[in-house]
Amino acid sequence: MTDRIEAAAAELRPLLQNFILWARENAPGSDSGLVGPVALWHRLIASDDVGRWKRSDLRTVLLERMPQVVEDPDAAADGMVPSVRAYLTFLSDSGRLSKGSASLEDLLAELDGLEDDFVDAMEDLVVADDEEEEEEFDEEDEGLGDFEPFADELSELPTIRLRPDSELAAATRTTVLIGKARDLAVWVGTERRVGETSLLDDAEITEALGVLGFPVPEKGGASLADSVPALWNVWNLAIDLDFLQPEGEDTVSVDPDTAEWPFEEDDDALDAWMAGLHSIDYGDPELDDEEATIALSGLTRALLVRVLLATGSKPLAELRAELAEAAAEYDDLGAEAWAAAVERYGDPLNPVLDWLTGYGMVEVEHDQVRLTPLGMEGVVHLADEADIELDARPAIDAMTALDLLSFGAELPEEEADAEFAAWMELRAPEQAARDLLEAAAEDDADALIRVQAASMVGSLGEVAAPAWREALDEPSLRPYAATHLAQLGVEDAPPPTQADTHWLILDMLTISAGLGRPEFVSSLDDIGNVPNLVNLLDVIWKVPHPHLEELLEAIGKAHPDKQVGKAAKRALFKARSGQN
């Protein structure tokens, strides 16, 4: 059966590649990863002709086979039927729906009729999978490239310092592989027809290899298209980067902006590089045996996480030994696949490092593999995608005032103070005060950032007085500015008003409300006894605070005294009536 599956998958690959190109323009929400299994099992159990579809085939494949083979039933429930609908439409629009098939209208009608049953079948699988995970959680297998087994170690790493966007963008502009993807896309040009069995014919492949500076392989048993995986990796990267885009049926064109790479704007350059980040998987060794190739899938990610755990630099020999052992551990064919990669590449890490250096993520010097600043940014992004928390922050010299406030609000007090002190060493105090207050004013709904900024600027003393004076014109900061100017004894400064005091109280309540009900009630008790709270609620509804209404509603629900609850509801009514 395995041989039949491999043969059918090889037969379908060109067709699915053409579907991907078609779908990007005609059905952008479809998922080719969900279409592939349907097309494969249709070919294996329903029809020798991949283009001949009957109504009964849909029931056979979707309701009988898919529940047995689908890998992600949750994703299948959401997207498989719409994706199959797009695939059938593609077959019809491109003339690939064979004679003897049902009409597209009949097929889509049958698909609509099966959808509820299919979704129910997938949801049953989700429930079953959840129960199985609970029972076998400790025995769950991880893949070679998964970050999850290293989550605890990663969380204990010392603070990772990230470089500013301007430096990272400059690094992206020198990445060799993006340059090659651009050159390939420009060579493709506009409205180039792609083939059914291979995207390019042999003459085009030879020409494309020349454009990329890749050698033309010697003639052997395999076809030329099957002998140039490096070309297809760059082709796929060009698609990831949106340098290549579908242009009608079986046609692909270069995006008009591609020739402008490297892009001048930092954001554009970084966005392009990040769009191609998952191309790191193209660095995994490709072997003649598909199962051996699968056994080493994830090798590039496995190398990256180990270099990160070594705080960004690790000897190549140690990496090689660890990864050989990991490959054997994660897959029964791992050791055999590793040996095959040694025979093919000399070192299984050669294609991995070639891709990572070409994408600007690592440098190899004196047999030491080191993450570049761009590589560190990318690995932190991959860890975040895996829901793994890292202590990653901008470098002190690259940290903006808003960065400092945002990170400082989440850190223990002692660590936040150290971060602030290091940041201040690089700045003039008067300008630093202005920067902090301007950052706090960017979002008047963020009370925690505002309190953090007021605390930091307040610690600077008299040198911050000019910044406080300027902040009097900012409604969300005026209460803090007036209070601190009064504390500094600044002449001619307006004294704090009752409204200023009430704003400060609302900021404090906003922060405590985010900590949970007990903390919120405790902060209300700190304000005063029940009569004092009632008196406060009778006037505080007039303050134009962004969280006023939700706080009044929360007080009404959380405070145990009915008198306070009634006063909060009256205040909420007045606040809403006043706005209307």
Protein backbone atom coordinates (compact mmCIF):
# COMPACT_ATOMS: atom_id res chain seq x y z
CA MET A 1 0.00 0.00 0.00
CA THR A 2 2.86 2.37 0.79
CA ASP A 3 4.19 2.08 -2.75
CA ARG A 4 0.74 2.81 -4.16
CA ILE A 5 0.39 5.87 -1.94
CA GLU A 6 3.80 7.19 -3.00
CA ALA A 7 3.05 6.61 -6.68
CA ALA A 8 -0.35 8.30 -6.42
CA ALA A 9 1.13 11.23 -4.49
CA ALA A 10 3.79 11.71 -7.17
CA GLU A 11 1.12 11.59 -9.86
CA LEU A 12 -0.98 14.22 -8.10
CA ARG A 13 1.83 16.62 -7.19
CA PRO A 14 1.85 18.65 -10.46
CA LEU A 15 -1.95 18.87 -10.42
CA LEU A 16 -1.99 20.13 -6.84
CA GLN A 17 0.76 22.66 -7.62
CA ASN A 18 -1.42 24.03 -10.39
CA PHE A 19 -4.40 24.12 -8.01
CA ILE A 20 -2.33 26.14 -5.52
CA LEU A 21 -1.53 28.70 -8.21
CA TRP A 22 -5.18 28.83 -9.31
CA ALA A 23 -6.48 29.09 -5.75
CA ARG A 24 -4.31 32.06 -4.82
CA GLU A 25 -6.38 34.16 -7.24
CA ASN A 26 -9.71 32.34 -7.39
CA ALA A 27 -10.16 30.79 -3.94
CA PRO A 28 -7.66 32.43 -1.54
CA GLY A 29 -9.38 30.97 1.52
CA SER A 30 -8.91 27.37 0.44
CA ASP A 31 -6.29 25.12 2.02
CA SER A 32 -4.30 22.94 -0.37
CA GLY A 33 -3.10 20.94 2.62
CA LEU A 34 -6.68 19.76 3.15
CA VAL A 35 -7.31 19.11 -0.55
CA GLY A 36 -4.25 16.87 -0.91
CA PRO A 37 -5.53 13.95 1.23
CA VAL A 38 -8.94 14.07 -0.47
CA ALA A 39 -7.42 13.99 -3.95
CA LEU A 40 -5.02 11.22 -2.91
CA TRP A 41 -7.66 8.90 -1.44
CA HIS A 42 -10.03 9.61 -4.31
CA ARG A 43 -7.28 8.35 -6.61
CA LEU A 44 -6.58 5.30 -4.42
CA ILE A 45 -10.08 4.03 -3.62
CA ALA A 46 -12.54 5.68 -5.98
CA SER A 47 -11.07 6.33 -9.44
CA ASP A 48 -7.90 5.60 -11.40
CA ASP A 49 -8.61 8.87 -13.25
CA VAL A 50 -7.89 11.80 -10.92
CA GLY A 51 -10.22 13.97 -12.98
CA ARG A 52 -13.27 11.69 -12.87
CA TRP A 53 -15.55 12.50 -9.93
CA LYS A 54 -18.96 10.99 -9.26
CA ARG A 55 -21.38 12.08 -6.57
CA SER A 56 -20.86 8.84 -4.64
CA ASP A 57 -17.09 9.44 -4.58
CA LEU A 58 -17.57 12.41 -2.28
CA ARG A 59 -19.40 10.32 0.32
CA THR A 60 -16.85 7.51 0.04
CA VAL A 61 -13.86 9.80 0.49
CA LEU A 62 -15.19 12.38 2.94
CA LEU A 63 -17.37 10.29 5.23
CA GLU A 64 -15.73 6.85 5.03
CA ARG A 65 -12.03 7.50 4.49
CA MET A 66 -11.25 10.97 5.88
CA PRO A 67 -12.28 10.14 9.47
CA GLN A 68 -9.67 7.35 9.33
CA VAL A 69 -6.75 9.37 7.96
CA VAL A 70 -7.28 13.07 8.71
CA GLU A 71 -4.51 14.52 10.89
CA ASP A 72 -6.21 17.68 12.17
CA PRO A 73 -9.97 17.13 12.45
CA ASP A 74 -10.50 20.60 13.89
CA ALA A 75 -8.95 22.25 10.83
CA ALA A 76 -10.74 19.79 8.55
CA ALA A 77 -14.09 20.65 10.10
CA ASP A 78 -13.49 24.32 9.40
CA GLY A 79 -11.92 24.15 5.97
CA MET A 80 -12.04 20.82 4.14
CA VAL A 81 -15.46 21.12 2.49
CA PRO A 82 -14.85 24.70 1.23
CA SER A 83 -11.41 23.62 -0.01
CA VAL A 84 -12.82 20.58 -1.85
CA ARG A 85 -15.48 22.85 -3.34
CA ALA A 86 -12.66 25.08 -4.67
CA TYR A 87 -10.75 22.02 -5.98
CA LEU A 88 -13.74 20.69 -7.90
CA THR A 89 -14.35 24.14 -9.35
CA PHE A 90 -10.69 24.28 -10.39
CA LEU A 91 -11.00 20.91 -12.15
CA SER A 92 -14.07 22.13 -14.00
CA ASP A 93 -12.75 25.59 -14.90
CA SER A 94 -9.47 24.17 -16.19
CA GLY A 95 -11.09 21.41 -18.25
CA ARG A 96 -9.66 18.69 -16.00
CA LEU A 97 -13.02 17.26 -14.94
CA SER A 98 -12.98 14.08 -17.04
CA LYS A 99 -15.69 12.62 -19.22
CA GLY A 100 -17.95 10.44 -17.13
CA SER A 101 -17.85 12.80 -14.16
CA ALA A 102 -20.96 14.28 -12.63
CA SER A 103 -21.56 17.91 -13.49
CA LEU A 104 -19.95 20.51 -11.27
CA GLU A 105 -23.42 21.65 -10.18
CA ASP A 106 -24.33 18.12 -9.06
CA LEU A 107 -20.99 17.61 -7.30
CA LEU A 108 -21.31 20.86 -5.37
CA ALA A 109 -24.90 20.04 -4.45
CA GLU A 110 -23.78 16.65 -3.11
CA LEU A 111 -20.96 18.35 -1.21
CA ASP A 112 -23.42 20.75 0.41
CA GLY A 113 -25.59 17.81 1.44
CA LEU A 114 -22.63 16.02 3.05
CA GLU A 115 -21.20 19.02 4.86
CA ASP A 116 -23.12 18.70 8.14
CA ASP A 117 -22.37 14.98 8.42
CA PHE A 118 -18.70 15.60 7.67
CA VAL A 119 -18.42 18.33 10.29
CA ASP A 120 -20.12 16.08 12.83
CA ALA A 121 -17.65 13.29 12.04
CA MET A 122 -14.71 15.65 12.52
CA GLU A 123 -16.09 16.99 15.79
CA ASP A 124 -16.44 13.43 17.06
CA LEU A 125 -12.76 12.93 16.25
CA VAL A 126 -11.85 16.14 18.08
CA VAL A 127 -13.62 14.90 21.21
CA ALA A 128 -11.95 11.51 20.90
CA ASP A 129 -8.54 13.10 20.36
CA ASP A 130 -8.99 15.32 23.43
CA GLU A 131 -9.84 12.30 25.56
CA GLU A 132 -6.86 10.40 24.19
CA GLU A 133 -4.54 13.33 24.87
CA GLU A 134 -5.69 13.45 28.46
CA GLU A 135 -4.98 9.74 28.87
CA GLU A 136 -1.65 9.68 27.05
CA PHE A 137 -0.35 13.20 27.64
CA ASP A 138 2.90 11.98 29.18
CA GLU A 139 3.55 9.63 26.26
CA GLU A 140 2.96 12.18 23.49
CA ASP A 141 5.56 12.04 20.75
CA GLU A 142 7.29 15.22 19.66
CA GLY A 143 8.76 15.91 16.26
CA LEU A 144 12.41 16.53 15.55
CA GLY A 145 11.80 20.23 14.92
CA ASP A 146 9.33 20.90 17.74
CA PHE A 147 10.24 23.57 20.29
CA GLU A 148 7.80 22.31 22.93
CA PRO A 149 10.17 19.75 24.57
CA PHE A 150 12.54 22.66 25.29
CA ALA A 151 9.88 25.02 26.68
CA ASP A 152 11.16 24.92 30.28
CA GLU A 153 14.78 25.42 29.26
CA LEU A 154 13.84 28.26 26.92
CA SER A 155 11.84 30.03 29.62
CA GLU A 156 14.91 29.96 31.88
CA LEU A 157 17.25 31.58 29.36
CA PRO A 158 18.72 34.94 30.32
CA THR A 159 17.16 38.00 28.72
CA ILE A 160 17.46 37.94 24.92
CA ARG A 161 18.26 41.37 23.50
CA LEU A 162 16.86 42.14 20.06
CA ARG A 163 18.29 44.72 17.69
CA PRO A 164 16.26 47.65 16.34
CA ASP A 165 14.18 47.33 13.19
CA SER A 166 16.50 49.59 11.23
CA GLU A 167 19.45 47.23 11.77
CA LEU A 168 17.39 44.13 11.08
CA ALA A 169 15.98 45.64 7.88
CA ALA A 170 19.48 46.46 6.69
CA ALA A 171 20.45 42.82 7.28
CA THR A 172 17.45 41.52 5.32
CA ARG A 173 18.54 43.52 2.28
CA THR A 174 21.74 41.48 2.03
CA THR A 175 20.15 38.02 2.30
CA VAL A 176 21.33 35.93 -0.61
CA LEU A 177 18.25 33.75 -0.91
CA ILE A 178 15.80 36.63 -1.17
CA GLY A 179 18.00 38.05 -3.91
CA LYS A 180 17.86 34.73 -5.74
CA ALA A 181 14.08 34.54 -5.30
CA ARG A 182 13.85 38.00 -6.83
CA ASP A 183 16.10 37.04 -9.75
CA LEU A 184 14.06 33.90 -10.42
CA ALA A 185 10.76 35.79 -10.27
CA VAL A 186 12.04 38.51 -12.60
CA TRP A 187 13.22 35.80 -15.00
CA VAL A 188 9.77 34.15 -14.87
CA GLY A 189 8.31 37.46 -16.04
CA THR A 190 4.65 37.90 -16.83
CA GLU A 191 2.13 35.25 -17.79
CA ARG A 192 4.53 32.32 -18.01
CA ARG A 193 2.64 29.09 -18.58
CA VAL A 194 3.46 26.27 -16.17
CA GLY A 195 3.25 22.62 -17.11
CA GLU A 196 1.13 19.81 -15.73
CA THR A 197 3.90 17.32 -14.97
CA SER A 198 6.57 19.90 -14.13
CA LEU A 199 6.21 23.63 -13.61
CA LEU A 200 9.02 24.24 -16.11
CA ASP A 201 10.24 22.16 -19.04
CA ASP A 202 13.85 21.00 -19.27
CA ALA A 203 14.99 23.97 -21.36
CA GLU A 204 13.38 26.41 -18.92
CA ILE A 205 14.88 24.57 -15.95
CA THR A 206 18.35 24.82 -17.47
CA GLU A 207 17.88 28.53 -18.09
CA ALA A 208 16.52 29.13 -14.58
CA LEU A 209 19.47 27.31 -13.04
CA GLY A 210 21.77 29.64 -14.94
CA VAL A 211 19.92 32.68 -13.59
CA LEU A 212 20.39 31.39 -10.03
CA GLY A 213 23.98 30.34 -10.54
CA PHE A 214 23.14 26.71 -9.79
CA PRO A 215 24.87 23.89 -11.70
CA VAL A 216 22.95 21.75 -14.16
CA PRO A 217 23.01 18.17 -12.83
CA GLU A 218 24.43 15.38 -14.93
CA LYS A 219 21.91 13.21 -16.68
CA GLY A 220 20.92 10.20 -14.64
CA GLY A 221 17.95 8.02 -13.98
CA ALA A 222 15.79 10.80 -12.56
CA SER A 223 14.19 13.50 -14.67
CA LEU A 224 15.79 16.92 -14.66
CA ALA A 225 12.86 18.36 -12.70
CA ASP A 226 13.36 15.75 -9.97
CA SER A 227 17.11 16.44 -9.85
CA VAL A 228 16.97 20.13 -8.95
CA PRO A 229 15.32 20.47 -5.53
CA ALA A 230 17.34 23.65 -4.88
CA LEU A 231 15.56 25.34 -7.80
CA TRP A 232 12.12 24.43 -6.48
CA ASN A 233 13.07 25.59 -2.99
CA VAL A 234 13.88 29.04 -4.37
CA TRP A 235 10.70 28.91 -6.49
CA ASN A 236 8.66 28.18 -3.35
CA LEU A 237 10.45 30.95 -1.48
CA ALA A 238 9.51 33.36 -4.27
CA ILE A 239 5.87 32.34 -3.76
CA ASP A 240 6.16 32.73 0.02
CA LEU A 241 7.51 36.24 -0.51
CA ASP A 242 4.73 37.08 -3.00
CA PHE A 243 7.39 37.70 -5.65
CA LEU A 244 5.58 35.13 -7.81
CA GLN A 245 1.82 35.17 -8.10
CA PRO A 246 -0.81 33.33 -10.18
CA GLU A 247 -1.97 35.18 -13.26
CA GLY A 248 -4.88 33.30 -14.71
CA GLU A 249 -5.19 29.57 -15.33
CA ASP A 250 -1.89 27.62 -15.30
CA THR A 251 -0.02 30.90 -15.52
CA VAL A 252 2.31 32.66 -13.11
CA SER A 253 3.72 36.17 -13.14
CA VAL A 254 6.25 38.23 -11.27
CA ASP A 255 4.73 40.75 -8.87
CA PRO A 256 5.33 44.30 -10.17
CA ASP A 257 7.19 45.34 -7.00
CA THR A 258 9.60 42.40 -6.99
CA ALA A 259 12.29 44.12 -9.05
CA GLU A 260 12.44 46.84 -6.37
CA TRP A 261 13.97 44.45 -3.84
CA PRO A 262 15.79 45.32 -1.64
CA PHE A 263 12.90 47.52 -0.53
CA GLU A 264 13.75 50.97 0.72
CA GLU A 265 11.28 51.16 3.61
CA ASP A 266 12.41 49.24 6.70
CA ASP A 267 8.91 47.92 7.44
CA ASP A 268 8.53 46.61 3.89
CA ALA A 269 11.91 44.86 4.00
CA LEU A 270 11.22 43.25 7.38
CA ASP A 271 7.71 42.19 6.37
CA ALA A 272 9.08 40.47 3.27
CA TRP A 273 11.77 38.66 5.25
CA MET A 274 9.27 37.55 7.89
CA ALA A 275 6.90 36.29 5.17
CA GLY A 276 9.63 33.90 4.07
CA LEU A 277 10.72 32.83 7.55
CA HIS A 278 9.06 29.42 7.32
CA SER A 279 11.28 28.70 4.32
CA ILE A 280 13.79 27.46 6.89
CA ASP A 281 12.08 24.10 6.43
CA TYR A 282 13.47 24.03 2.88
CA GLY A 283 16.88 23.55 4.48
CA ASP A 284 16.00 20.05 5.70
CA PRO A 285 17.92 17.35 3.78
CA GLU A 286 16.13 15.91 0.76
CA LEU A 287 16.86 12.25 0.09
CA ASP A 288 15.87 9.78 -2.62
CA ASP A 289 13.72 7.85 -0.17
CA GLU A 290 10.65 9.85 0.90
CA GLU A 291 10.36 8.19 4.29
CA ALA A 292 14.01 8.99 5.01
CA THR A 293 13.37 12.60 4.04
CA ILE A 294 10.41 12.71 6.43
CA ALA A 295 12.57 11.23 9.20
CA LEU A 296 14.85 14.27 9.00
CA SER A 297 12.10 16.84 8.56
CA GLY A 298 12.45 19.52 11.21
CA LEU A 299 16.25 19.25 11.30
CA THR A 300 16.70 22.96 10.56
CA ARG A 301 14.39 24.00 13.39
CA ALA A 302 16.08 21.47 15.68
CA LEU A 303 19.43 23.12 15.01
CA LEU A 304 18.05 26.60 15.63
CA VAL A 305 16.52 25.79 19.00
CA ARG A 306 19.74 24.17 20.21
CA VAL A 307 21.80 27.18 19.19
CA LEU A 308 19.32 29.42 20.96
CA LEU A 309 19.58 27.30 24.13
CA ALA A 310 23.33 27.79 23.96
CA THR A 311 22.59 31.55 24.15
CA GLY A 312 23.19 32.04 20.45
CA SER A 313 26.40 30.15 19.68
CA LYS A 314 27.34 26.46 19.69
CA PRO A 315 30.18 24.33 18.25
CA LEU A 316 29.27 22.59 15.02
CA ALA A 317 30.63 19.23 16.21
CA GLU A 318 28.34 19.32 19.28
CA LEU A 319 25.35 20.21 17.15
CA ARG A 320 26.10 17.38 14.74
CA ALA A 321 26.35 14.81 17.54
CA GLU A 322 23.20 16.01 19.33
CA LEU A 323 21.13 16.14 16.17
CA ALA A 324 22.23 12.70 14.99
CA GLU A 325 21.14 11.31 18.34
CA ALA A 326 17.86 13.26 18.22
CA ALA A 327 17.06 12.03 14.71
CA ALA A 328 17.51 8.43 15.83
CA GLU A 329 15.37 9.06 18.90
CA TYR A 330 12.43 10.75 17.18
CA ASP A 331 12.03 8.36 14.24
CA ASP A 332 12.73 4.65 13.78
CA LEU A 333 14.34 5.49 10.43
CA GLY A 334 16.28 8.42 11.86
CA ALA A 335 19.67 6.72 12.09
CA GLU A 336 19.31 5.23 8.64
CA ALA A 337 18.20 8.56 7.21
CA TRP A 338 21.13 10.31 8.87
CA ALA A 339 23.55 7.85 7.25
CA ALA A 340 21.89 8.45 3.87
CA ALA A 341 22.29 12.20 4.35
CA VAL A 342 25.96 11.72 5.21
CA GLU A 343 26.43 9.82 1.96
CA ARG A 344 24.59 12.45 -0.08
CA TYR A 345 25.80 15.69 1.53
CA GLY A 346 28.95 14.74 3.37
CA ASP A 347 27.39 16.29 6.44
CA PRO A 348 23.60 16.24 6.99
CA LEU A 349 23.91 19.78 8.36
CA ASN A 350 25.35 21.16 5.12
CA PRO A 351 21.97 21.88 3.46
CA VAL A 352 20.64 23.19 6.78
CA LEU A 353 23.48 25.65 7.22
CA ASP A 354 23.49 26.59 3.54
CA TRP A 355 19.86 27.68 3.77
CA LEU A 356 20.18 29.42 7.14
CA THR A 357 23.27 31.36 6.08
CA GLY A 358 21.59 32.19 2.79
CA TYR A 359 18.59 33.53 4.69
CA GLY A 360 20.81 35.60 6.97
CA MET A 361 20.04 33.70 10.18
CA VAL A 362 23.35 32.09 11.12
CA GLU A 363 27.04 32.53 10.58
CA VAL A 364 29.57 29.70 10.72
CA GLU A 365 33.11 30.60 11.66
CA HIS A 366 35.86 28.35 13.03
CA ASP A 367 33.34 25.49 13.28
CA GLN A 368 31.13 27.60 15.53
CA VAL A 369 27.49 28.22 14.55
CA ARG A 370 26.22 31.59 15.70
CA LEU A 371 22.78 33.19 15.40
CA THR A 372 22.88 36.57 13.72
CA PRO A 373 20.69 39.39 15.10
CA LEU A 374 18.28 38.59 12.27
CA GLY A 375 18.40 34.91 13.20
CA MET A 376 17.72 35.69 16.85
CA GLU A 377 14.68 37.75 15.81
CA GLY A 378 13.44 34.87 13.67
CA VAL A 379 13.88 32.17 16.32
CA VAL A 380 12.12 34.29 18.93
CA HIS A 381 9.26 34.67 16.46
CA LEU A 382 9.13 30.88 15.91
CA ALA A 383 9.10 30.27 19.66
CA ASP A 384 6.25 32.75 20.03
CA GLU A 385 4.32 30.90 17.30
CA ALA A 386 4.78 27.73 19.36
CA ASP A 387 3.29 29.54 22.40
CA ILE A 388 6.60 29.38 24.23
CA GLU A 389 7.41 32.38 26.38
CA LEU A 390 10.89 33.86 26.17
CA ASP A 391 12.30 36.85 27.97
CA ALA A 392 13.06 38.78 24.78
CA ARG A 393 13.40 42.55 24.84
CA PRO A 394 14.92 45.24 22.65
CA ALA A 395 18.55 46.01 23.38
CA ILE A 396 18.89 48.90 25.83
CA ASP A 397 20.37 51.20 23.19
CA ALA A 398 17.48 50.34 20.84
CA MET A 399 14.69 50.46 23.43
CA THR A 400 12.10 53.18 22.89
CA ALA A 401 10.33 54.87 25.77
CA LEU A 402 7.20 52.85 25.02
CA ASP A 403 9.25 49.63 25.00
CA LEU A 404 10.66 50.52 28.41
CA LEU A 405 7.22 51.27 29.84
CA SER A 406 5.62 48.16 28.35
CA PHE A 407 8.30 45.78 29.57
CA GLY A 408 8.73 47.59 32.88
CA ALA A 409 5.05 47.17 33.69
CA GLU A 410 5.44 43.38 33.47
CA LEU A 411 8.71 43.04 35.39
CA PRO A 412 9.35 42.69 39.13
CA GLU A 413 10.08 46.09 40.67
CA GLU A 414 13.79 45.51 41.22
CA GLU A 415 14.31 44.31 37.63
CA ALA A 416 12.23 47.16 36.23
CA ASP A 417 14.34 49.65 38.17
CA ALA A 418 17.54 48.15 36.77
CA GLU A 419 16.16 48.32 33.24
CA PHE A 420 15.20 51.98 33.78
CA ALA A 421 18.62 52.84 35.19
CA ALA A 422 20.42 51.26 32.23
CA TRP A 423 18.10 53.08 29.81
CA MET A 424 18.68 56.42 31.53
CA GLU A 425 22.47 56.09 31.31
CA LEU A 426 22.19 56.56 27.54
CA ARG A 427 19.90 59.61 27.64
CA ALA A 428 19.70 63.19 28.84
CA PRO A 429 17.24 63.23 31.78
CA GLU A 430 15.11 66.15 30.53
CA GLN A 431 14.61 64.58 27.09
CA ALA A 432 14.04 61.15 28.63
CA ALA A 433 11.21 62.62 30.72
CA ARG A 434 9.59 64.07 27.59
CA ASP A 435 9.94 60.77 25.73
CA LEU A 436 8.36 58.79 28.56
CA LEU A 437 5.39 61.12 28.92
CA GLU A 438 4.82 61.29 25.16
CA ALA A 439 4.81 57.47 25.04
CA ALA A 440 2.31 57.32 27.91
CA ALA A 441 0.02 59.74 26.07
CA GLU A 442 -0.21 57.54 22.98
CA ASP A 443 -3.05 55.47 24.46
CA ASP A 444 -5.22 57.17 27.07
CA ALA A 445 -6.87 53.82 27.86
CA ASP A 446 -3.65 52.27 29.18
CA ALA A 447 -3.63 53.24 32.85
CA LEU A 448 -0.79 50.89 33.76
CA ILE A 449 1.58 52.48 31.23
CA ARG A 450 0.54 55.93 32.46
CA VAL A 451 1.25 55.06 36.10
CA GLN A 452 4.55 53.49 35.10
CA ALA A 453 5.59 56.62 33.19
CA ALA A 454 4.56 58.92 36.05
CA SER A 455 6.61 56.86 38.49
CA MET A 456 9.72 56.88 36.27
CA VAL A 457 9.50 60.58 35.43
CA GLY A 458 8.72 61.42 39.03
CA SER A 459 11.95 59.76 40.12
CA LEU A 460 13.96 62.24 38.00
CA GLY A 461 13.09 65.16 40.28
CA GLU A 462 13.28 68.82 39.26
CA VAL A 463 14.92 68.12 35.91
CA ALA A 464 11.57 66.72 34.74
CA ALA A 465 9.64 69.93 35.51
CA PRO A 466 9.65 71.19 31.87
CA ALA A 467 8.26 67.85 30.68
CA TRP A 468 5.58 67.93 33.37
CA ARG A 469 4.58 71.47 32.30
CA GLU A 470 4.16 70.28 28.70
CA ALA A 471 2.11 67.30 29.90
CA LEU A 472 -0.49 69.66 31.43
CA ASP A 473 -1.98 69.97 27.94
CA GLU A 474 -2.57 66.21 27.68
CA PRO A 475 -5.88 65.31 29.43
CA SER A 476 -4.80 61.80 30.48
CA LEU A 477 -1.53 63.11 31.97
CA ARG A 478 -2.66 66.44 33.42
CA PRO A 479 -3.62 64.90 36.81
CA TYR A 480 -0.11 63.45 37.18
CA ALA A 481 1.59 66.59 35.89
CA ALA A 482 -0.33 68.89 38.23
CA THR A 483 0.36 66.59 41.20
CA HIS A 484 4.11 66.32 40.55
CA LEU A 485 4.54 70.03 39.80
CA ALA A 486 2.84 70.78 43.12
CA GLN A 487 5.17 68.33 44.90
CA LEU A 488 8.17 70.03 43.28
CA GLY A 489 6.90 73.44 44.40
CA VAL A 490 7.02 74.84 40.88
CA GLU A 491 5.78 78.43 40.83
CA ASP A 492 2.75 79.35 38.72
CA ALA A 493 1.86 75.67 38.21
CA PRO A 494 -1.88 75.00 38.42
CA PRO A 495 -2.82 73.11 41.58
CA PRO A 496 -4.44 69.68 41.25
CA THR A 497 -8.23 69.82 41.02
CA GLN A 498 -10.83 67.45 42.43
CA ALA A 499 -11.29 66.09 38.89
CA ASP A 500 -7.54 65.38 38.76
CA THR A 501 -7.77 63.41 42.00
CA HIS A 502 -10.74 61.48 40.69
CA TRP A 503 -8.85 60.62 37.48
CA LEU A 504 -5.99 59.23 39.54
CA ILE A 505 -8.45 57.12 41.54
CA LEU A 506 -9.99 55.75 38.34
CA ASP A 507 -6.55 54.86 36.98
CA MET A 508 -5.78 53.01 40.20
CA LEU A 509 -9.10 51.15 40.04
CA THR A 510 -8.51 50.26 36.38
CA ILE A 511 -5.24 48.58 37.29
CA SER A 512 -6.64 46.73 40.30
CA ALA A 513 -9.65 45.55 38.27
CA GLY A 514 -7.23 43.79 35.94
CA LEU A 515 -5.73 41.88 38.87
CA GLY A 516 -8.95 40.13 39.88
CA ARG A 517 -12.01 40.61 42.07
CA PRO A 518 -10.28 40.35 45.50
CA GLU A 519 -7.70 42.99 44.56
CA PHE A 520 -10.42 45.20 43.10
CA VAL A 521 -12.57 45.07 46.24
CA SER A 522 -9.48 45.69 48.38
CA SER A 523 -8.64 48.82 46.40
CA LEU A 524 -12.21 50.07 46.91
CA ASP A 525 -11.80 49.52 50.66
CA ASP A 526 -8.58 51.56 50.54
CA ILE A 527 -10.55 54.54 49.20
CA GLY A 528 -12.71 54.67 52.32
CA ASN A 529 -15.74 53.36 54.16
CA VAL A 530 -19.17 52.93 52.62
CA PRO A 531 -20.34 56.55 53.09
CA ASN A 532 -17.11 57.84 51.52
CA LEU A 533 -17.50 55.49 48.56
CA VAL A 534 -21.12 56.53 48.04
CA ASN A 535 -20.14 60.21 48.12
CA LEU A 536 -17.35 59.53 45.62
CA LEU A 537 -19.69 57.70 43.25
CA ASP A 538 -22.12 60.60 43.37
CA VAL A 539 -19.54 62.88 41.70
CA ILE A 540 -16.98 60.70 39.94
CA TRP A 541 -19.35 59.87 37.07
CA LYS A 542 -18.58 63.31 35.60
CA VAL A 543 -14.90 62.43 34.91
CA PRO A 544 -14.31 61.67 31.17
CA HIS A 545 -12.16 58.64 31.91
CA PRO A 546 -11.99 55.94 29.16
CA HIS A 547 -12.78 53.15 31.66
CA LEU A 548 -15.41 54.99 33.72
CA GLU A 549 -18.47 53.00 32.67
CA GLU A 550 -16.89 49.56 32.95
CA LEU A 551 -15.49 50.46 36.39
CA LEU A 552 -18.86 51.66 37.66
CA GLU A 553 -20.45 48.48 36.37
CA ALA A 554 -17.72 46.39 38.04
CA ILE A 555 -18.19 48.23 41.37
CA GLY A 556 -21.91 47.52 41.26
CA LYS A 557 -21.25 43.80 40.80
CA ALA A 558 -18.21 43.34 43.05
CA HIS A 559 -18.79 45.42 46.18
CA PRO A 560 -20.56 43.44 48.92
CA ASP A 561 -22.46 46.46 50.33
CA LYS A 562 -25.85 47.03 48.66
CA GLN A 563 -25.67 50.77 49.28
CA VAL A 564 -22.45 51.01 47.28
CA GLY A 565 -23.92 48.80 44.56
CA LYS A 566 -26.97 51.07 44.20
CA ALA A 567 -24.79 54.18 44.12
CA ALA A 568 -22.63 52.63 41.40
CA LYS A 569 -25.71 51.84 39.29
CA ARG A 570 -27.00 55.42 39.70
CA ALA A 571 -23.60 56.77 38.70
CA LEU A 572 -23.49 54.47 35.66
CA PHE A 573 -26.91 55.68 34.55
CA LYS A 574 -25.83 59.32 34.92
CA ALA A 575 -22.59 58.68 33.02
CA ARG A 576 -24.42 57.07 30.12
CA SER A 577 -27.12 59.74 30.11
CA GLY A 578 -24.46 62.44 30.14
CA GLN A 579 -22.76 60.93 27.12
CA ASN A 580 -26.07 60.71 25.25
